[in-house]
Amino acid sequence: MAVMNRTFVLVSGAPGSGKSTLARTLAPALRMPLLAKDIIKESIWDALSPPTGDLDWSRRVGGAAMEVLWAVADLSSGAIIEANFRPHSDYERAKLAGLASHFVEVFCWCPPDIAQQRYAERSEGSDHHPAHVTPLLTAELLAEFDQPMKVGDLIELDTTLQVDTEKLAEDILDRLRQPSYLPEARVSDISPA
């Protein structure tokens, strides 16, 4: 059962959609802690030192990272949670439902070819972490993240446009101040700066 007085900002979207970049700028603007799946995954990977390039290990560590994220979020009074959430997963939907009664979801979106390009560039970058083994972002993988989770107030964000972080933070804070969560999600687009 969801805890009534906790509020979470969910930053969702496909790999390469700009979630991580946005979440890192939103955390200080909202003065909220950031729980990011990839940070947890990379930390677990570094601690275990699995074989380089091992896709099975990458998937297992990714699954463990999500379980750590759920556990830490459950112990917090609220946070920004950033990960590749799967909107068609009943398990992930149930995990989110158990965290809070009020979410604001920021769904990051960009055209598939842009997401694939960003993902490939990140895979080839000098700061690429070995925990992320999959070098290509396929259409099948992108289809797993084709829509928001729709667990609360929804803000859809086109990350090919410049984001006004302060305006976005104000919109999120306004929504978090609402006295109660309404089951019908409000949908709005944030225009570019």
Protein backbone atom coordinates (compact mmCIF):
# COMPACT_ATOMS: atom_id res chain seq x y z
CA MET A 1 0.00 0.00 0.00
CA ALA A 2 1.31 3.45 -0.94
CA VAL A 3 2.55 5.79 1.77
CA MET A 4 0.36 8.90 1.68
CA ASN A 5 2.84 11.67 2.53
CA ARG A 6 5.64 10.76 0.14
CA THR A 7 6.12 12.37 -3.22
CA PHE A 8 8.28 11.14 -6.04
CA VAL A 9 9.31 12.55 -9.38
CA LEU A 10 9.67 9.77 -11.89
CA VAL A 11 11.97 10.50 -14.85
CA SER A 12 11.12 7.91 -17.48
CA GLY A 13 11.74 7.21 -21.14
CA ALA A 14 13.74 5.01 -23.47
CA PRO A 15 17.50 4.62 -23.41
CA GLY A 16 19.05 7.61 -25.16
CA SER A 17 16.03 9.83 -24.50
CA GLY A 18 17.91 12.22 -22.20
CA LYS A 19 16.57 10.99 -18.84
CA SER A 20 19.88 10.88 -16.99
CA THR A 21 20.96 14.33 -18.13
CA LEU A 22 17.59 15.82 -17.19
CA ALA A 23 17.44 14.07 -13.79
CA ARG A 24 20.91 15.35 -12.85
CA THR A 25 19.83 18.96 -13.53
CA LEU A 26 16.42 18.56 -11.88
CA ALA A 27 17.73 17.18 -8.57
CA PRO A 28 19.37 20.43 -7.40
CA ALA A 29 16.56 22.56 -8.89
CA LEU A 30 13.99 20.59 -6.86
CA ARG A 31 16.28 20.09 -3.84
CA MET A 32 15.47 16.38 -3.95
CA PRO A 33 17.79 13.40 -3.77
CA LEU A 34 18.35 11.51 -7.03
CA LEU A 35 18.02 7.74 -7.19
CA ALA A 36 19.37 6.71 -10.59
CA LYS A 37 19.47 3.09 -11.71
CA ASP A 38 22.65 3.45 -13.79
CA ILE A 39 24.61 4.95 -10.88
CA ILE A 40 23.60 1.97 -8.76
CA LYS A 41 24.36 -0.50 -11.58
CA GLU A 42 27.81 0.96 -12.17
CA SER A 43 28.61 0.85 -8.45
CA ILE A 44 27.57 -2.81 -8.17
CA TRP A 45 29.58 -3.63 -11.31
CA ASP A 46 32.68 -1.93 -9.91
CA ALA A 47 32.35 -3.80 -6.61
CA LEU A 48 31.96 -7.21 -8.28
CA SER A 49 34.37 -6.76 -11.24
CA PRO A 50 32.54 -9.13 -13.63
CA PRO A 51 34.05 -10.11 -17.00
CA THR A 52 34.21 -7.22 -19.47
CA GLY A 53 31.61 -7.40 -22.22
CA ASP A 54 29.49 -10.07 -20.53
CA LEU A 55 25.87 -9.35 -21.48
CA ASP A 56 24.45 -11.86 -18.98
CA TRP A 57 26.33 -10.17 -16.15
CA SER A 58 25.17 -6.76 -17.35
CA ARG A 59 21.55 -7.88 -17.28
CA ARG A 60 21.89 -9.50 -13.86
CA VAL A 61 23.59 -6.44 -12.38
CA GLY A 62 20.92 -4.22 -14.00
CA GLY A 63 18.18 -6.29 -12.36
CA ALA A 64 19.97 -6.07 -9.01
CA ALA A 65 20.31 -2.30 -9.45
CA MET A 66 16.55 -1.97 -9.96
CA GLU A 67 15.89 -3.97 -6.78
CA VAL A 68 18.27 -1.70 -4.84
CA LEU A 69 16.53 1.34 -6.33
CA TRP A 70 13.11 0.05 -5.20
CA ALA A 71 14.41 -0.70 -1.68
CA VAL A 72 16.10 2.68 -1.21
CA ALA A 73 13.09 4.53 -2.62
CA ASP A 74 10.83 2.65 -0.22
CA LEU A 75 12.91 3.90 2.72
CA SER A 76 12.95 7.52 1.56
CA SER A 77 10.47 10.32 2.14
CA GLY A 78 10.59 11.16 -1.56
CA ALA A 79 13.09 11.50 -4.38
CA ILE A 80 13.66 11.82 -8.08
CA ILE A 81 13.74 8.29 -9.46
CA GLU A 82 15.37 7.85 -12.87
CA ALA A 83 15.53 4.60 -14.81
CA ASN A 84 14.33 2.85 -17.94
CA PHE A 85 10.92 1.95 -16.56
CA ARG A 86 8.98 -0.56 -18.62
CA PRO A 87 5.39 0.69 -19.03
CA HIS A 88 4.16 -2.81 -19.98
CA SER A 89 5.57 -4.42 -16.81
CA ASP A 90 2.98 -5.22 -14.15
CA TYR A 91 5.85 -5.83 -11.71
CA GLU A 92 7.31 -2.33 -12.15
CA ARG A 93 3.86 -0.75 -12.05
CA ALA A 94 3.15 -2.53 -8.75
CA LYS A 95 6.51 -1.44 -7.31
CA LEU A 96 5.72 2.18 -8.16
CA ALA A 97 2.20 1.93 -6.76
CA GLY A 98 3.65 0.73 -3.47
CA LEU A 99 5.93 3.73 -3.10
CA ALA A 100 3.58 6.71 -2.97
CA SER A 101 0.14 8.05 -3.59
CA HIS A 102 1.45 11.07 -5.53
CA PHE A 103 3.86 11.01 -8.44
CA VAL A 104 4.84 13.51 -11.04
CA GLU A 105 6.20 11.72 -14.09
CA VAL A 106 8.49 13.46 -16.55
CA PHE A 107 8.51 11.32 -19.68
CA CYS A 108 11.51 12.08 -21.88
CA TRP A 109 10.97 11.52 -25.56
CA CYS A 110 12.92 11.92 -28.78
CA PRO A 111 12.66 10.29 -32.22
CA PRO A 112 14.02 6.72 -32.29
CA ASP A 113 16.88 7.62 -34.65
CA ILE A 114 18.05 10.35 -32.24
CA ALA A 115 17.87 7.95 -29.27
CA GLN A 116 19.85 5.36 -31.24
CA GLN A 117 22.46 7.95 -32.22
CA ARG A 118 22.83 9.22 -28.64
CA TYR A 119 23.09 5.66 -27.35
CA ALA A 120 25.76 4.70 -29.90
CA GLU A 121 27.79 7.85 -29.15
CA ARG A 122 27.60 7.12 -25.42
CA SER A 123 28.71 3.50 -26.05
CA GLU A 124 31.75 4.71 -27.98
CA GLY A 125 32.66 7.54 -25.55
CA SER A 126 35.79 7.51 -23.46
CA ASP A 127 33.70 7.71 -20.27
CA HIS A 128 31.56 4.69 -21.22
CA HIS A 129 31.16 2.38 -18.24
CA PRO A 130 31.70 -1.38 -18.83
CA ALA A 131 28.43 -2.20 -17.01
CA HIS A 132 26.58 -1.10 -20.15
CA VAL A 133 27.28 -3.90 -22.60
CA THR A 134 24.63 -3.54 -25.31
CA PRO A 135 26.27 -1.45 -28.07
CA LEU A 136 23.16 -0.98 -30.24
CA LEU A 137 19.72 0.28 -29.37
CA THR A 138 17.35 -1.81 -31.47
CA ALA A 139 13.79 -0.98 -32.46
CA GLU A 140 12.63 -3.96 -30.37
CA LEU A 141 14.37 -2.59 -27.28
CA LEU A 142 12.97 0.89 -27.88
CA ALA A 143 9.46 -0.60 -28.10
CA GLU A 144 9.74 -1.66 -24.44
CA PHE A 145 9.75 2.03 -23.46
CA ASP A 146 7.23 3.39 -25.97
CA GLN A 147 5.07 5.30 -23.51
CA PRO A 148 5.02 6.82 -20.02
CA MET A 149 4.24 4.77 -16.93
CA LYS A 150 1.17 7.01 -16.35
CA VAL A 151 1.26 6.75 -12.56
CA GLY A 152 0.46 10.38 -11.75
CA ASP A 153 0.63 13.87 -13.17
CA LEU A 154 2.37 13.57 -16.52
CA ILE A 155 4.74 15.96 -18.22
CA GLU A 156 5.88 14.89 -21.67
CA LEU A 157 9.19 16.41 -22.68
CA ASP A 158 10.72 16.48 -26.17
CA THR A 159 14.43 16.30 -25.37
CA THR A 160 15.47 17.44 -28.85
CA LEU A 161 14.41 20.91 -27.70
CA GLN A 162 16.23 23.01 -25.12
CA VAL A 163 14.71 22.43 -21.69
CA ASP A 164 14.06 25.32 -19.32
CA THR A 165 14.95 23.44 -16.13
CA GLU A 166 13.71 26.22 -13.83
CA LYS A 167 10.32 26.35 -15.54
CA LEU A 168 10.07 22.56 -15.46
CA ALA A 169 11.01 22.50 -11.75
CA GLU A 170 8.32 25.13 -10.99
CA ASP A 171 5.70 23.07 -12.82
CA ILE A 172 6.72 19.93 -10.92
CA LEU A 173 6.67 21.74 -7.55
CA ASP A 174 3.19 23.13 -8.31
CA ARG A 175 1.96 19.62 -9.00
CA LEU A 176 3.61 18.23 -5.86
CA ARG A 177 1.83 20.87 -3.76
CA GLN A 178 -1.60 19.67 -4.89
CA PRO A 179 -3.59 18.42 -1.91
CA SER A 180 -4.22 14.98 -3.35
CA TYR A 181 -3.38 12.79 -6.26
CA LEU A 182 -6.05 12.62 -8.94
CA PRO A 183 -6.25 9.31 -10.81
CA GLU A 184 -6.64 11.07 -14.15
CA ALA A 185 -3.17 12.32 -15.01
CA ARG A 186 -2.87 15.89 -16.19
CA VAL A 187 -0.84 16.04 -19.36
CA SER A 188 1.12 19.07 -20.46
CA ASP A 189 4.02 19.84 -22.71
CA ILE A 190 6.84 22.05 -21.57
CA SER A 191 7.80 24.40 -24.36
CA PRO A 192 11.44 25.08 -25.12
CA ALA A 193 13.32 27.93 -23.44
